[in-house]
N, C-alpha and C. Protein backbone atom coordinates (compact mmCIF):
# COMPACT_ATOMS: atom_id res chain seq x y z
N UNK A 1 46.36 90.11 70.85
CA UNK A 1 47.29 90.33 69.88
C UNK A 1 48.38 91.32 70.54
N UNK A 2 49.51 90.84 70.26
CA UNK A 2 50.74 91.60 70.94
C UNK A 2 51.49 92.38 69.81
N UNK A 3 51.71 93.72 69.98
CA UNK A 3 52.52 94.39 68.92
C UNK A 3 53.64 95.04 69.76
N UNK A 4 54.76 95.31 69.02
CA UNK A 4 55.89 95.90 69.73
C UNK A 4 56.82 96.29 68.57
N UNK A 5 57.78 96.91 68.89
CA UNK A 5 58.83 97.57 67.95
C UNK A 5 60.19 97.06 68.36
N UNK A 6 60.26 96.04 69.22
CA UNK A 6 61.42 95.50 69.67
C UNK A 6 61.59 94.08 69.54
N UNK A 7 62.78 93.66 68.95
CA UNK A 7 62.97 92.28 68.53
C UNK A 7 63.08 91.38 69.85
N UNK A 8 63.54 91.95 70.97
CA UNK A 8 63.57 91.37 72.27
C UNK A 8 62.15 91.09 72.77
N UNK A 9 61.40 92.10 72.64
CA UNK A 9 60.03 92.02 73.17
C UNK A 9 59.40 90.83 72.39
N UNK A 10 59.45 90.96 70.90
CA UNK A 10 58.80 89.79 70.21
C UNK A 10 59.44 88.45 70.68
N UNK A 11 60.62 88.34 70.86
CA UNK A 11 61.34 87.05 71.35
C UNK A 11 60.67 86.65 72.69
N UNK A 12 60.82 87.70 73.65
CA UNK A 12 60.12 87.32 74.85
C UNK A 12 58.56 86.99 74.74
N UNK A 13 57.92 87.54 74.17
CA UNK A 13 56.44 87.16 73.98
C UNK A 13 56.22 85.81 73.33
N UNK A 14 56.96 85.47 72.30
CA UNK A 14 56.94 84.20 71.59
C UNK A 14 57.28 82.98 72.62
N UNK A 15 58.32 83.34 73.60
CA UNK A 15 58.79 82.46 74.59
C UNK A 15 57.64 82.14 75.52
N UNK A 16 57.04 83.20 75.87
CA UNK A 16 55.91 82.96 76.95
C UNK A 16 54.53 82.57 76.35
N UNK A 17 54.61 82.31 75.02
CA UNK A 17 53.35 81.64 74.39
C UNK A 17 52.22 82.64 73.85
N UNK A 18 52.68 83.89 73.67
CA UNK A 18 51.73 84.88 73.22
C UNK A 18 51.35 84.82 71.72
N UNK A 19 52.09 83.87 70.97
CA UNK A 19 51.91 83.71 69.47
C UNK A 19 53.03 83.50 68.74
N UNK A 20 53.04 83.67 67.41
CA UNK A 20 54.07 83.71 66.52
C UNK A 20 55.00 84.99 66.32
N UNK A 21 56.23 84.78 66.10
CA UNK A 21 57.02 86.04 65.97
C UNK A 21 58.09 85.70 64.80
N UNK A 22 58.22 86.75 63.89
CA UNK A 22 59.42 86.68 63.03
C UNK A 22 60.55 87.29 63.71
N UNK A 23 61.43 86.45 63.77
CA UNK A 23 62.67 86.79 64.59
C UNK A 23 63.91 86.31 63.75
N UNK A 24 65.11 87.04 63.90
CA UNK A 24 66.28 86.59 63.37
C UNK A 24 66.76 85.21 63.85
N UNK A 25 67.03 84.22 62.88
CA UNK A 25 67.28 82.89 63.33
C UNK A 25 68.33 82.63 64.38
N UNK A 26 69.40 83.43 64.27
CA UNK A 26 70.38 83.25 65.42
C UNK A 26 69.92 83.53 66.74
N UNK A 27 68.89 84.48 66.66
CA UNK A 27 68.22 84.75 68.19
C UNK A 27 67.38 83.58 68.59
N UNK A 28 66.36 83.18 67.55
CA UNK A 28 65.31 82.27 67.96
C UNK A 28 66.02 80.89 68.11
N UNK A 29 67.05 80.48 67.44
CA UNK A 29 67.44 79.20 67.56
C UNK A 29 68.37 79.10 68.88
N UNK A 30 68.59 80.14 69.45
CA UNK A 30 69.30 79.87 70.84
C UNK A 30 68.27 79.63 71.84
N UNK A 31 66.91 79.80 71.65
CA UNK A 31 66.01 79.51 72.66
C UNK A 31 65.34 78.14 72.38
N UNK A 32 65.64 77.09 73.26
CA UNK A 32 65.15 75.74 73.06
C UNK A 32 63.64 75.70 73.15
N UNK A 33 62.82 76.56 73.63
CA UNK A 33 61.42 76.47 73.65
C UNK A 33 60.75 77.01 72.41
N UNK A 34 61.41 77.64 71.53
CA UNK A 34 60.78 78.07 70.34
C UNK A 34 61.19 76.82 69.15
N UNK A 35 60.19 77.03 68.29
CA UNK A 35 60.28 76.04 67.11
C UNK A 35 60.11 76.68 65.78
N UNK A 36 61.02 76.43 65.07
CA UNK A 36 60.92 77.08 63.57
C UNK A 36 59.77 76.60 62.67
N UNK A 37 59.13 77.51 62.16
CA UNK A 37 57.89 77.04 61.35
C UNK A 37 58.23 76.80 59.84
N UNK A 38 58.91 77.66 59.38
CA UNK A 38 59.34 77.76 57.96
C UNK A 38 60.85 77.24 57.88
N UNK A 39 61.07 76.21 57.03
CA UNK A 39 62.53 75.98 56.74
C UNK A 39 63.36 77.06 55.99
N UNK A 40 62.69 77.74 55.24
CA UNK A 40 63.26 78.79 54.36
C UNK A 40 63.35 80.22 55.08
N UNK A 41 64.23 80.85 54.74
CA UNK A 41 64.43 82.35 55.39
C UNK A 41 63.49 83.18 54.76
N UNK A 42 62.66 83.80 55.52
CA UNK A 42 61.56 84.69 54.97
C UNK A 42 61.99 86.08 54.74
N UNK A 43 63.02 86.58 55.30
CA UNK A 43 63.65 87.87 54.91
C UNK A 43 65.11 88.06 55.37
N UNK A 44 65.64 89.04 54.79
CA UNK A 44 66.93 89.18 55.17
C UNK A 44 67.33 90.81 55.21
N UNK A 45 68.49 91.08 55.77
CA UNK A 45 68.97 92.45 55.65
C UNK A 45 70.44 92.30 55.53
N UNK A 46 70.94 93.30 54.88
CA UNK A 46 72.51 93.60 54.76
C UNK A 46 73.09 93.92 56.20
N UNK A 47 74.17 93.59 56.30
CA UNK A 47 74.90 94.11 57.62
C UNK A 47 76.17 94.67 57.07
N UNK A 48 76.32 95.92 57.62
CA UNK A 48 77.60 96.75 57.08
C UNK A 48 78.28 97.08 58.26
N UNK A 49 79.61 97.12 58.09
CA UNK A 49 80.46 97.52 59.01
C UNK A 49 81.31 98.74 58.52
N UNK A 50 80.69 99.78 59.19
CA UNK A 50 81.11 101.25 58.68
C UNK A 50 81.98 101.91 59.58
N UNK A 51 83.05 102.66 59.11
CA UNK A 51 84.16 103.25 59.73
C UNK A 51 84.68 104.24 58.92
N UNK A 52 85.27 105.32 59.58
CA UNK A 52 85.99 106.32 58.88
C UNK A 52 87.28 105.68 58.26
N UNK A 53 87.56 106.08 57.14
CA UNK A 53 88.97 105.54 56.61
C UNK A 53 90.05 106.00 57.41
N UNK A 54 90.11 107.10 58.07
CA UNK A 54 91.35 107.38 58.92
C UNK A 54 91.30 106.60 60.18
N UNK A 55 90.14 106.14 60.55
CA UNK A 55 90.16 105.33 61.87
C UNK A 55 90.75 103.91 61.63
N UNK A 56 90.59 103.42 60.32
CA UNK A 56 91.18 102.20 59.99
C UNK A 56 92.77 102.11 60.11
N UNK A 57 93.32 103.31 60.14
CA UNK A 57 94.77 103.30 60.30
C UNK A 57 95.33 103.23 61.69
N UNK A 58 94.20 103.45 62.69
CA UNK A 58 94.61 103.28 64.22
C UNK A 58 94.66 101.75 64.34
N UNK A 59 95.64 101.30 65.05
CA UNK A 59 95.92 99.97 65.34
C UNK A 59 94.93 99.26 66.06
N UNK A 60 94.40 99.89 67.29
CA UNK A 60 93.36 99.34 68.11
C UNK A 60 91.99 99.30 67.46
N UNK A 61 91.77 100.16 66.42
CA UNK A 61 90.52 100.35 65.86
C UNK A 61 90.58 99.16 64.66
N UNK A 62 91.74 99.08 64.03
CA UNK A 62 91.82 98.05 62.82
C UNK A 62 91.73 96.67 63.57
N UNK A 63 92.23 96.45 64.74
CA UNK A 63 92.00 95.02 65.39
C UNK A 63 90.44 94.83 65.51
N UNK A 64 89.77 95.63 66.00
CA UNK A 64 88.35 95.64 66.18
C UNK A 64 87.62 95.44 64.92
N UNK A 65 87.90 96.24 63.92
CA UNK A 65 87.49 96.02 62.46
C UNK A 65 87.60 94.57 62.01
N UNK A 66 88.95 94.14 62.17
CA UNK A 66 89.24 92.92 61.79
C UNK A 66 88.65 91.58 62.52
N UNK A 67 88.42 91.77 63.72
CA UNK A 67 87.90 90.87 64.67
C UNK A 67 86.27 90.73 64.27
N UNK A 68 85.66 91.92 64.19
CA UNK A 68 84.17 91.98 63.75
C UNK A 68 84.02 91.20 62.34
N UNK A 69 84.91 91.49 61.47
CA UNK A 69 84.68 90.88 60.12
C UNK A 69 85.03 89.43 60.15
N UNK A 70 85.74 89.05 60.91
CA UNK A 70 86.19 87.58 61.13
C UNK A 70 85.09 86.83 61.71
N UNK A 71 84.40 87.30 62.79
CA UNK A 71 83.29 86.71 63.47
C UNK A 71 82.10 86.69 62.42
N UNK A 72 81.96 87.79 61.71
CA UNK A 72 80.82 87.69 60.78
C UNK A 72 81.03 86.76 59.63
N UNK A 73 82.26 86.50 59.12
CA UNK A 73 82.56 85.53 58.17
C UNK A 73 82.37 84.05 58.74
N UNK A 74 82.97 83.99 59.97
CA UNK A 74 82.84 82.58 60.56
C UNK A 74 81.53 82.07 60.85
N UNK A 75 80.55 83.22 61.10
CA UNK A 75 79.30 82.70 61.67
C UNK A 75 78.26 82.95 60.38
N UNK A 76 78.63 83.11 59.20
CA UNK A 76 77.81 83.57 58.15
C UNK A 76 76.58 82.58 57.91
N UNK A 77 76.80 81.28 58.06
CA UNK A 77 75.74 80.48 57.90
C UNK A 77 74.76 80.60 58.96
N UNK A 78 75.09 80.66 60.23
CA UNK A 78 74.17 80.92 61.26
C UNK A 78 73.54 82.30 61.16
N UNK A 79 74.23 83.25 60.87
CA UNK A 79 73.67 84.65 60.80
C UNK A 79 72.64 84.56 59.62
N UNK A 80 72.89 83.80 58.40
CA UNK A 80 72.04 83.81 57.39
C UNK A 80 70.81 83.03 57.63
N UNK A 81 70.62 82.14 58.57
CA UNK A 81 69.56 81.51 58.93
C UNK A 81 69.27 80.16 58.19
N UNK A 82 70.32 79.60 57.63
CA UNK A 82 70.21 78.27 56.93
C UNK A 82 69.88 77.21 57.94
N UNK A 83 68.91 76.20 57.53
CA UNK A 83 68.65 75.20 58.49
C UNK A 83 69.93 74.22 58.52
N UNK A 84 70.30 73.98 59.78
CA UNK A 84 71.37 72.92 60.06
C UNK A 84 70.93 71.76 60.70
N UNK A 85 71.55 70.73 60.31
CA UNK A 85 71.21 69.36 60.96
C UNK A 85 71.75 69.24 62.31
């Protein structure tokens, strides 16, 4: 049995065949040697974009905030783990 507190360690252990791992779908689906066992998502976490209100008024910070929010919205299905055909 392998135990670890790192998602990357669990991913690498599954890749080399040490057993099963519960991984974020967006990580596991990027690895062609892994196979999804359950079609449904077994767990989830909220994703927060946190910043100081004053920082949001700085143009370069606002650009990063908007960029990150756009990527998250665009990739919501993939990040949510829904099975795609």
